[in-house]
Amino acid sequence: MFCESAVVSMQRVELKHLAMDLRITSCFPVGGSDLLPESSTLQVLNWLDWEETVLRSQVAAQDAAGIKQAFEHLQGALGSSSYLVGSSLTLADVVIYSALFPVQVSKLHCR
């Protein structure tokens, strides 16, 4: 469990550093979309910062109230959209999903 957790954490850190690098090149195509659109770079980086400073600690501490607040914050930000920034998948969506994945996995194990 620890090894898997460490690998996921390292991957998130690497993704954040990749995002910073991509800010310079502003090009990371996946399936024809841009995970870090030049016009939305600041918004994506703000979500990456929120994941690192708020969400990650709540998930790691298994803070049910904090995680609930995080979900409410995400629901408010999403509204009727499927994506956190713009109208297509961005690095923000990928990083937030990866941060919340342990919550979903633990929920499945509790059933």
C-alpha atoms as a PDB file:
ATOM      1  CA  MET A   1       0.000   0.000   0.000  1.00  0.00           C
ATOM      2  CA  PHE A   2       2.759   2.459   0.946  1.00  0.00           C
ATOM      3  CA  CYS A   3       4.651   1.828  -2.290  1.00  0.00           C
ATOM      4  CA  GLU A   4       1.549   2.390  -4.409  1.00  0.00           C
ATOM      5  CA  SER A   5       0.785   5.562  -2.475  1.00  0.00           C
ATOM      6  CA  ALA A   6       4.339   6.822  -2.918  1.00  0.00           C
ATOM      7  CA  VAL A   7       4.215   6.144  -6.655  1.00  0.00           C
ATOM      8  CA  VAL A   8       0.908   8.013  -7.034  1.00  0.00           C
ATOM      9  CA  SER A   9       2.288  10.950  -5.018  1.00  0.00           C
ATOM     10  CA  MET A  10       5.411  11.029  -7.156  1.00  0.00           C
ATOM     11  CA  GLN A  11       3.293  10.958 -10.302  1.00  0.00           C
ATOM     12  CA  ARG A  12       1.256  13.943  -9.079  1.00  0.00           C
ATOM     13  CA  VAL A  13       4.421  15.861  -8.244  1.00  0.00           C
ATOM     14  CA  GLU A  14       5.820  15.025 -11.668  1.00  0.00           C
ATOM     15  CA  LEU A  15       2.572  16.163 -13.315  1.00  0.00           C
ATOM     16  CA  LYS A  16       2.705  19.476 -11.469  1.00  0.00           C
ATOM     17  CA  HIS A  17       6.307  20.032 -12.528  1.00  0.00           C
ATOM     18  CA  LEU A  18       5.342  19.037 -16.037  1.00  0.00           C
ATOM     19  CA  ALA A  19       2.589  21.645 -15.941  1.00  0.00           C
ATOM     20  CA  MET A  20       5.104  24.279 -14.946  1.00  0.00           C
ATOM     21  CA  ASP A  21       7.365  23.217 -17.815  1.00  0.00           C
ATOM     22  CA  LEU A  22       4.410  23.217 -20.194  1.00  0.00           C
ATOM     23  CA  ARG A  23       3.593  26.780 -19.232  1.00  0.00           C
ATOM     24  CA  ILE A  24       6.705  27.669 -21.207  1.00  0.00           C
ATOM     25  CA  THR A  25       5.922  25.539 -24.240  1.00  0.00           C
ATOM     26  CA  SER A  26       2.094  25.581 -23.766  1.00  0.00           C
ATOM     27  CA  CYS A  27       1.745  22.396 -25.767  1.00  0.00           C
ATOM     28  CA  PHE A  28       0.697  18.991 -24.425  1.00  0.00           C
ATOM     29  CA  PRO A  29      -1.631  17.356 -26.940  1.00  0.00           C
ATOM     30  CA  VAL A  30      -3.689  14.310 -26.029  1.00  0.00           C
ATOM     31  CA  GLY A  31      -6.182  13.091 -28.579  1.00  0.00           C
ATOM     32  CA  GLY A  32      -6.248  16.453 -30.310  1.00  0.00           C
ATOM     33  CA  SER A  33      -6.911  18.440 -27.137  1.00  0.00           C
ATOM     34  CA  ASP A  34      -4.505  20.520 -25.103  1.00  0.00           C
ATOM     35  CA  LEU A  35      -4.121  19.562 -21.438  1.00  0.00           C
ATOM     36  CA  LEU A  36      -2.642  22.953 -20.666  1.00  0.00           C
ATOM     37  CA  PRO A  37      -4.293  25.492 -22.962  1.00  0.00           C
ATOM     38  CA  GLU A  38      -2.348  28.715 -23.270  1.00  0.00           C
ATOM     39  CA  SER A  39      -5.495  30.779 -22.680  1.00  0.00           C
ATOM     40  CA  SER A  40      -6.310  28.900 -19.448  1.00  0.00           C
ATOM     41  CA  THR A  41      -2.857  28.180 -18.013  1.00  0.00           C
ATOM     42  CA  LEU A  42      -3.428  30.298 -14.899  1.00  0.00           C
ATOM     43  CA  GLN A  43      -6.758  28.585 -14.144  1.00  0.00           C
ATOM     44  CA  VAL A  44      -5.211  25.129 -14.539  1.00  0.00           C
ATOM     45  CA  LEU A  45      -2.264  26.054 -12.308  1.00  0.00           C
ATOM     46  CA  ASN A  46      -4.680  27.422  -9.690  1.00  0.00           C
ATOM     47  CA  TRP A  47      -6.433  24.026  -9.594  1.00  0.00           C
ATOM     48  CA  LEU A  48      -3.071  22.263  -9.293  1.00  0.00           C
ATOM     49  CA  ASP A  49      -2.214  24.537  -6.373  1.00  0.00           C
ATOM     50  CA  TRP A  50      -5.589  23.828  -4.706  1.00  0.00           C
ATOM     51  CA  GLU A  51      -5.013  20.107  -5.101  1.00  0.00           C
ATOM     52  CA  GLU A  52      -1.587  20.386  -3.498  1.00  0.00           C
ATOM     53  CA  THR A  53      -2.434  22.778  -0.652  1.00  0.00           C
ATOM     54  CA  VAL A  54      -5.995  21.739   0.254  1.00  0.00           C
ATOM     55  CA  LEU A  55      -7.271  18.513  -1.270  1.00  0.00           C
ATOM     56  CA  ARG A  56      -4.193  16.333  -0.868  1.00  0.00           C
ATOM     57  CA  SER A  57      -3.964  16.902   2.903  1.00  0.00           C
ATOM     58  CA  GLN A  58      -7.681  16.188   3.393  1.00  0.00           C
ATOM     59  CA  VAL A  59      -7.469  12.933   1.452  1.00  0.00           C
ATOM     60  CA  ALA A  60      -4.257  11.870   3.199  1.00  0.00           C
ATOM     61  CA  ALA A  61      -5.780  12.559   6.621  1.00  0.00           C
ATOM     62  CA  GLN A  62      -9.023  10.842   5.574  1.00  0.00           C
ATOM     63  CA  ASP A  63     -10.793  13.966   6.814  1.00  0.00           C
ATOM     64  CA  ALA A  64     -14.430  13.181   5.945  1.00  0.00           C
ATOM     65  CA  ALA A  65     -15.673  16.724   6.607  1.00  0.00           C
ATOM     66  CA  GLY A  66     -12.827  18.243   4.609  1.00  0.00           C
ATOM     67  CA  ILE A  67     -13.361  15.851   1.725  1.00  0.00           C
ATOM     68  CA  LYS A  68     -17.065  16.684   1.734  1.00  0.00           C
ATOM     69  CA  GLN A  69     -16.199  20.400   1.552  1.00  0.00           C
ATOM     70  CA  ALA A  70     -13.810  19.650  -1.304  1.00  0.00           C
ATOM     71  CA  PHE A  71     -16.566  17.837  -3.219  1.00  0.00           C
ATOM     72  CA  GLU A  72     -18.919  20.778  -2.629  1.00  0.00           C
ATOM     73  CA  HIS A  73     -16.241  23.171  -3.877  1.00  0.00           C
ATOM     74  CA  LEU A  74     -15.733  21.034  -6.986  1.00  0.00           C
ATOM     75  CA  GLN A  75     -19.479  20.772  -7.634  1.00  0.00           C
ATOM     76  CA  GLY A  76     -19.778  24.543  -7.376  1.00  0.00           C
ATOM     77  CA  ALA A  77     -16.866  25.052  -9.763  1.00  0.00           C
ATOM     78  CA  LEU A  78     -18.144  22.488 -12.237  1.00  0.00           C
ATOM     79  CA  GLY A  79     -21.746  23.642 -12.321  1.00  0.00           C
ATOM     80  CA  SER A  80     -23.178  21.898 -15.363  1.00  0.00           C
ATOM     81  CA  SER A  81     -19.755  21.462 -17.013  1.00  0.00           C
ATOM     82  CA  SER A  82     -17.888  18.181 -17.233  1.00  0.00           C
ATOM     83  CA  TYR A  83     -14.502  19.917 -16.941  1.00  0.00           C
ATOM     84  CA  LEU A  84     -12.896  22.185 -14.358  1.00  0.00           C
ATOM     85  CA  VAL A  85     -11.407  24.556 -16.933  1.00  0.00           C
ATOM     86  CA  GLY A  86     -12.965  25.243 -20.297  1.00  0.00           C
ATOM     87  CA  SER A  87     -14.835  22.732 -22.405  1.00  0.00           C
ATOM     88  CA  SER A  88     -12.258  19.956 -22.677  1.00  0.00           C
ATOM     89  CA  LEU A  89     -10.010  17.805 -20.524  1.00  0.00           C
ATOM     90  CA  THR A  90      -7.088  19.656 -18.922  1.00  0.00           C
ATOM     91  CA  LEU A  91      -4.300  18.757 -16.564  1.00  0.00           C
ATOM     92  CA  ALA A  92      -6.482  20.127 -13.743  1.00  0.00           C
ATOM     93  CA  ASP A  93      -9.078  17.385 -14.330  1.00  0.00           C
ATOM     94  CA  VAL A  94      -6.414  14.669 -14.435  1.00  0.00           C
ATOM     95  CA  VAL A  95      -4.658  15.805 -11.240  1.00  0.00           C
ATOM     96  CA  ILE A  96      -7.881  16.337  -9.250  1.00  0.00           C
ATOM     97  CA  TYR A  97      -9.171  12.927 -10.351  1.00  0.00           C
ATOM     98  CA  SER A  98      -5.924  11.254  -9.324  1.00  0.00           C
ATOM     99  CA  ALA A  99      -6.096  12.961  -5.925  1.00  0.00           C
ATOM    100  CA  LEU A 100      -9.675  11.760  -5.372  1.00  0.00           C
ATOM    101  CA  PHE A 101      -9.091   8.228  -6.655  1.00  0.00           C
ATOM    102  CA  PRO A 102      -8.027   6.900  -3.181  1.00  0.00           C
ATOM    103  CA  VAL A 103     -11.323   8.198  -1.774  1.00  0.00           C
ATOM    104  CA  GLN A 104     -13.276   6.184  -4.370  1.00  0.00           C
ATOM    105  CA  VAL A 105     -11.133   3.080  -3.784  1.00  0.00           C
ATOM    106  CA  SER A 106     -11.569   3.260  -0.005  1.00  0.00           C
ATOM    107  CA  LYS A 107     -15.311   3.750  -0.472  1.00  0.00           C
ATOM    108  CA  LEU A 108     -15.474   0.552  -2.545  1.00  0.00           C
ATOM    109  CA  HIS A 109     -13.537  -1.395   0.104  1.00  0.00           C
ATOM    110  CA  CYS A 110     -15.926  -0.234   2.831  1.00  0.00           C
ATOM    111  CA  ARG A 111     -18.976  -1.776   1.186  1.00  0.00           C
END
